Amino acid sequence: MILPGSTVRVVDASSIYFGYQGFVQRIGSGRAAVLFEGGNWDRLVTLPLGSLQDAALR
């Protein structure tokens, strides 16, 4: 189950964020806003829930 505050990994191979891991900020309408942090950049991206997997399930 993916909830705000969960750590998730992008599992959609067609996404440019495939394999990235981030934190869910909010969920609505079948989509999740995921915060990716890395080095000198932060990015908030909205992705379909179907393209995400709970990172703890790996």
PDB file of N, CA and C in Angstrom:
ATOM      1  N   MET A   1       0.843  -1.177   0.000  1.00  0.00           N
ATOM      2  CA  MET A   1       0.000   0.000   0.000  1.00  0.00           C
ATOM      3  C   MET A   1       0.889   1.241   0.000  1.00  0.00           C
ATOM      4  N   ILE A   2       0.580   2.145  -0.877  1.00  0.00           N
ATOM      5  CA  ILE A   2       1.350   3.379  -0.992  1.00  0.00           C
ATOM      6  C   ILE A   2       0.577   4.503  -0.325  1.00  0.00           C
ATOM      7  N   LEU A   3       1.213   5.139   0.639  1.00  0.00           N
ATOM      8  CA  LEU A   3       0.625   6.246   1.390  1.00  0.00           C
ATOM      9  C   LEU A   3       1.599   7.420   1.391  1.00  0.00           C
ATOM     10  N   PRO A   4       1.113   8.632   1.663  1.00  0.00           N
ATOM     11  CA  PRO A   4       2.039   9.759   1.791  1.00  0.00           C
ATOM     12  C   PRO A   4       3.095   9.451   2.852  1.00  0.00           C
ATOM     13  N   GLY A   5       4.331   9.740   2.514  1.00  0.00           N
ATOM     14  CA  GLY A   5       5.450   9.450   3.406  1.00  0.00           C
ATOM     15  C   GLY A   5       6.156   8.148   3.064  1.00  0.00           C
ATOM     16  N   SER A   6       5.550   7.344   2.184  1.00  0.00           N
ATOM     17  CA  SER A   6       6.158   6.074   1.777  1.00  0.00           C
ATOM     18  C   SER A   6       7.322   6.324   0.826  1.00  0.00           C
ATOM     19  N   THR A   7       8.287   5.429   0.875  1.00  0.00           N
ATOM     20  CA  THR A   7       9.372   5.435  -0.090  1.00  0.00           C
ATOM     21  C   THR A   7       8.967   4.508  -1.223  1.00  0.00           C
ATOM     22  N   VAL A   8       9.041   5.004  -2.457  1.00  0.00           N
ATOM     23  CA  VAL A   8       8.617   4.227  -3.614  1.00  0.00           C
ATOM     24  C   VAL A   8       9.712   4.210  -4.678  1.00  0.00           C
ATOM     25  N   ARG A   9       9.605   3.219  -5.565  1.00  0.00           N
ATOM     26  CA  ARG A   9      10.515   3.087  -6.696  1.00  0.00           C
ATOM     27  C   ARG A   9       9.671   3.072  -7.964  1.00  0.00           C
ATOM     28  N   VAL A  10      10.149   3.736  -9.016  1.00  0.00           N
ATOM     29  CA  VAL A  10       9.443   3.764 -10.293  1.00  0.00           C
ATOM     30  C   VAL A  10       9.757   2.466 -11.037  1.00  0.00           C
ATOM     31  N   VAL A  11       8.703   1.701 -11.388  1.00  0.00           N
ATOM     32  CA  VAL A  11       8.878   0.406 -12.047  1.00  0.00           C
ATOM     33  C   VAL A  11       8.391   0.413 -13.494  1.00  0.00           C
ATOM     34  N   ASP A  12       7.935   1.539 -13.998  1.00  0.00           N
ATOM     35  CA  ASP A  12       7.494   1.663 -15.387  1.00  0.00           C
ATOM     36  C   ASP A  12       8.731   1.878 -16.262  1.00  0.00           C
ATOM     37  N   ALA A  13       9.057   0.869 -17.072  1.00  0.00           N
ATOM     38  CA  ALA A  13      10.273   0.914 -17.890  1.00  0.00           C
ATOM     39  C   ALA A  13      10.254   2.018 -18.938  1.00  0.00           C
ATOM     40  N   SER A  14       9.083   2.546 -19.286  1.00  0.00           N
ATOM     41  CA  SER A  14       9.016   3.607 -20.293  1.00  0.00           C
ATOM     42  C   SER A  14       9.184   5.009 -19.688  1.00  0.00           C
ATOM     43  N   SER A  15       9.272   5.105 -18.375  1.00  0.00           N
ATOM     44  CA  SER A  15       9.427   6.394 -17.695  1.00  0.00           C
ATOM     45  C   SER A  15      10.904   6.786 -17.632  1.00  0.00           C
ATOM     46  N   ILE A  16      11.174   8.079 -17.789  1.00  0.00           N
ATOM     47  CA  ILE A  16      12.561   8.536 -17.662  1.00  0.00           C
ATOM     48  C   ILE A  16      13.048   8.431 -16.214  1.00  0.00           C
ATOM     49  N   TYR A  17      12.125   8.221 -15.281  1.00  0.00           N
ATOM     50  CA  TYR A  17      12.472   8.066 -13.875  1.00  0.00           C
ATOM     51  C   TYR A  17      12.559   6.600 -13.457  1.00  0.00           C
ATOM     52  N   PHE A  18      12.570   5.665 -14.423  1.00  0.00           N
ATOM     53  CA  PHE A  18      12.630   4.236 -14.141  1.00  0.00           C
ATOM     54  C   PHE A  18      13.821   3.921 -13.233  1.00  0.00           C
ATOM     55  N   GLY A  19      13.524   3.233 -12.127  1.00  0.00           N
ATOM     56  CA  GLY A  19      14.568   2.847 -11.180  1.00  0.00           C
ATOM     57  C   GLY A  19      14.841   3.880 -10.093  1.00  0.00           C
ATOM     58  N   TYR A  20      14.341   5.091 -10.252  1.00  0.00           N
ATOM     59  CA  TYR A  20      14.553   6.119  -9.239  1.00  0.00           C
ATOM     60  C   TYR A  20      13.705   5.825  -8.015  1.00  0.00           C
ATOM     61  N   GLN A  21      14.191   6.253  -6.883  1.00  0.00           N
ATOM     62  CA  GLN A  21      13.488   6.071  -5.615  1.00  0.00           C
ATOM     63  C   GLN A  21      13.195   7.448  -5.026  1.00  0.00           C
ATOM     64  N   GLY A  22      11.965   7.618  -4.497  1.00  0.00           N
ATOM     65  CA  GLY A  22      11.580   8.904  -3.942  1.00  0.00           C
ATOM     66  C   GLY A  22      10.542   8.749  -2.854  1.00  0.00           C
ATOM     67  N   PHE A  23      10.074   9.875  -2.340  1.00  0.00           N
ATOM     68  CA  PHE A  23       9.117   9.916  -1.235  1.00  0.00           C
ATOM     69  C   PHE A  23       7.777  10.457  -1.727  1.00  0.00           C
ATOM     70  N   VAL A  24       6.696   9.777  -1.387  1.00  0.00           N
ATOM     71  CA  VAL A  24       5.358  10.211  -1.780  1.00  0.00           C
ATOM     72  C   VAL A  24       4.956  11.407  -0.926  1.00  0.00           C
ATOM     73  N   GLN A  25       4.582  12.497  -1.572  1.00  0.00           N
ATOM     74  CA  GLN A  25       4.152  13.706  -0.884  1.00  0.00           C
ATOM     75  C   GLN A  25       2.633  13.763  -0.733  1.00  0.00           C
ATOM     76  N   ARG A  26       1.912  13.390  -1.810  1.00  0.00           N
ATOM     77  CA  ARG A  26       0.445  13.392  -1.767  1.00  0.00           C
ATOM     78  C   ARG A  26      -0.092  12.441  -2.834  1.00  0.00           C
ATOM     79  N   ILE A  27      -1.346  12.013  -2.641  1.00  0.00           N
ATOM     80  CA  ILE A  27      -1.994  11.073  -3.550  1.00  0.00           C
ATOM     81  C   ILE A  27      -3.377  11.613  -3.892  1.00  0.00           C
ATOM     82  N   GLY A  28      -3.783  11.474  -5.155  1.00  0.00           N
ATOM     83  CA  GLY A  28      -5.112  11.893  -5.569  1.00  0.00           C
ATOM     84  C   GLY A  28      -5.396  11.487  -6.997  1.00  0.00           C
ATOM     85  N   SER A  29      -6.614  11.054  -7.261  1.00  0.00           N
ATOM     86  CA  SER A  29      -7.076  10.698  -8.608  1.00  0.00           C
ATOM     87  C   SER A  29      -6.200   9.652  -9.293  1.00  0.00           C
ATOM     88  N   GLY A  30      -5.743   8.674  -8.541  1.00  0.00           N
ATOM     89  CA  GLY A  30      -4.951   7.595  -9.131  1.00  0.00           C
ATOM     90  C   GLY A  30      -3.516   7.967  -9.448  1.00  0.00           C
ATOM     91  N   ARG A  31      -3.073   9.095  -8.948  1.00  0.00           N
ATOM     92  CA  ARG A  31      -1.707   9.568  -9.191  1.00  0.00           C
ATOM     93  C   ARG A  31      -1.060   9.945  -7.870  1.00  0.00           C
ATOM     94  N   ALA A  32       0.265   9.952  -7.860  1.00  0.00           N
ATOM     95  CA  ALA A  32       1.009  10.316  -6.651  1.00  0.00           C
ATOM     96  C   ALA A  32       2.069  11.351  -7.011  1.00  0.00           C
ATOM     97  N   ALA A  33       2.228  12.332  -6.153  1.00  0.00           N
ATOM     98  CA  ALA A  33       3.306  13.306  -6.296  1.00  0.00           C
ATOM     99  C   ALA A  33       4.496  12.757  -5.526  1.00  0.00           C
ATOM    100  N   VAL A  34       5.587  12.496  -6.253  1.00  0.00           N
ATOM    101  CA  VAL A  34       6.766  11.866  -5.670  1.00  0.00           C
ATOM    102  C   VAL A  34       7.921  12.854  -5.708  1.00  0.00           C
ATOM    103  N   LEU A  35       8.584  13.011  -4.569  1.00  0.00           N
ATOM    104  CA  LEU A  35       9.735  13.904  -4.464  1.00  0.00           C
ATOM    105  C   LEU A  35      11.006  13.088  -4.644  1.00  0.00           C
ATOM    106  N   PHE A  36      11.767  13.439  -5.681  1.00  0.00           N
ATOM    107  CA  PHE A  36      13.065  12.817  -5.925  1.00  0.00           C
ATOM    108  C   PHE A  36      14.136  13.806  -5.492  1.00  0.00           C
ATOM    109  N   GLU A  37      15.086  13.340  -4.709  1.00  0.00           N
ATOM    110  CA  GLU A  37      16.188  14.182  -4.257  1.00  0.00           C
ATOM    111  C   GLU A  37      17.481  13.522  -4.696  1.00  0.00           C
ATOM    112  N   GLY A  38      18.398  14.297  -5.186  1.00  0.00           N
ATOM    113  CA  GLY A  38      19.659  13.712  -5.610  1.00  0.00           C
ATOM    114  C   GLY A  38      20.729  14.756  -5.793  1.00  0.00           C
ATOM    115  N   GLY A  39      21.758  14.677  -4.998  1.00  0.00           N
ATOM    116  CA  GLY A  39      22.879  15.592  -5.144  1.00  0.00           C
ATOM    117  C   GLY A  39      22.457  17.040  -5.028  1.00  0.00           C
ATOM    118  N   ASN A  40      22.524  17.773  -6.145  1.00  0.00           N
ATOM    119  CA  ASN A  40      22.211  19.201  -6.114  1.00  0.00           C
ATOM    120  C   ASN A  40      20.847  19.515  -6.719  1.00  0.00           C
ATOM    121  N   TRP A  41      19.945  18.513  -6.832  1.00  0.00           N
ATOM    122  CA  TRP A  41      18.622  18.779  -7.403  1.00  0.00           C
ATOM    123  C   TRP A  41      17.537  18.077  -6.628  1.00  0.00           C
ATOM    124  N   ASP A  42      16.371  18.673  -6.618  1.00  0.00           N
ATOM    125  CA  ASP A  42      15.142  18.091  -6.059  1.00  0.00           C
ATOM    126  C   ASP A  42      14.070  18.272  -7.125  1.00  0.00           C
ATOM    127  N   ARG A  43      13.220  17.259  -7.290  1.00  0.00           N
ATOM    128  CA  ARG A  43      12.168  17.372  -8.301  1.00  0.00           C
ATOM    129  C   ARG A  43      10.917  16.685  -7.774  1.00  0.00           C
ATOM    130  N   LEU A  44       9.784  17.366  -7.896  1.00  0.00           N
ATOM    131  CA  LEU A  44       8.485  16.810  -7.537  1.00  0.00           C
ATOM    132  C   LEU A  44       7.780  16.444  -8.834  1.00  0.00           C
ATOM    133  N   VAL A  45       7.477  15.141  -8.998  1.00  0.00           N
ATOM    134  CA  VAL A  45       6.895  14.623 -10.231  1.00  0.00           C
ATOM    135  C   VAL A  45       5.609  13.883  -9.899  1.00  0.00           C
ATOM    136  N   THR A  46       4.576  14.075 -10.710  1.00  0.00           N
ATOM    137  CA  THR A  46       3.314  13.356 -10.547  1.00  0.00           C
ATOM    138  C   THR A  46       3.326  12.147 -11.472  1.00  0.00           C
ATOM    139  N   LEU A  47       3.111  10.960 -10.884  1.00  0.00           N
ATOM    140  CA  LEU A  47       3.151   9.704 -11.632  1.00  0.00           C
ATOM    141  C   LEU A  47       1.918   8.864 -11.321  1.00  0.00           C
ATOM    142  N   PRO A  48       1.479   8.025 -12.269  1.00  0.00           N
ATOM    143  CA  PRO A  48       0.362   7.118 -11.988  1.00  0.00           C
ATOM    144  C   PRO A  48       0.755   6.107 -10.916  1.00  0.00           C
ATOM    145  N   LEU A  49      -0.186   5.743 -10.051  1.00  0.00           N
ATOM    146  CA  LEU A  49       0.111   4.790  -8.983  1.00  0.00           C
ATOM    147  C   LEU A  49       0.578   3.444  -9.531  1.00  0.00           C
ATOM    148  N   GLY A  50       0.094   3.066 -10.727  1.00  0.00           N
ATOM    149  CA  GLY A  50       0.483   1.797 -11.324  1.00  0.00           C
ATOM    150  C   GLY A  50       1.946   1.715 -11.714  1.00  0.00           C
ATOM    151  N   SER A  51       2.610   2.850 -11.831  1.00  0.00           N
ATOM    152  CA  SER A  51       4.018   2.849 -12.212  1.00  0.00           C
ATOM    153  C   SER A  51       4.946   2.886 -11.001  1.00  0.00           C
ATOM    154  N   LEU A  52       4.366   2.792  -9.802  1.00  0.00           N
ATOM    155  CA  LEU A  52       5.148   2.851  -8.570  1.00  0.00           C
ATOM    156  C   LEU A  52       5.056   1.557  -7.785  1.00  0.00           C
ATOM    157  N   GLN A  53       6.118   1.255  -7.048  1.00  0.00           N
ATOM    158  CA  GLN A  53       6.143   0.101  -6.169  1.00  0.00           C
ATOM    159  C   GLN A  53       6.750   0.546  -4.843  1.00  0.00           C
ATOM    160  N   ASP A  54       6.177   0.047  -3.756  1.00  0.00           N
ATOM    161  CA  ASP A  54       6.707   0.336  -2.431  1.00  0.00           C
ATOM    162  C   ASP A  54       8.144  -0.180  -2.374  1.00  0.00           C
ATOM    163  N   ALA A  55       9.094   0.672  -2.025  1.00  0.00           N
ATOM    164  CA  ALA A  55      10.495   0.286  -2.027  1.00  0.00           C
ATOM    165  C   ALA A  55      10.789  -0.794  -0.995  1.00  0.00           C
ATOM    166  N   ALA A  56       9.972  -0.917   0.046  1.00  0.00           N
ATOM    167  CA  ALA A  56      10.192  -1.942   1.064  1.00  0.00           C
ATOM    168  C   ALA A  56       9.849  -3.335   0.548  1.00  0.00           C
ATOM    169  N   LEU A  57       9.094  -3.450  -0.547  1.00  0.00           N
ATOM    170  CA  LEU A  57       8.710  -4.739  -1.092  1.00  0.00           C
ATOM    171  C   LEU A  57       9.773  -5.380  -1.971  1.00  0.00           C
ATOM    172  N   ARG A  58      10.801  -4.681  -2.262  1.00  0.00           N
ATOM    173  CA  ARG A  58      11.830  -5.171  -3.167  1.00  0.00           C
ATOM    174  C   ARG A  58      12.624  -6.254  -2.567  1.00  0.00           C
TER     175      ARG A  58
END
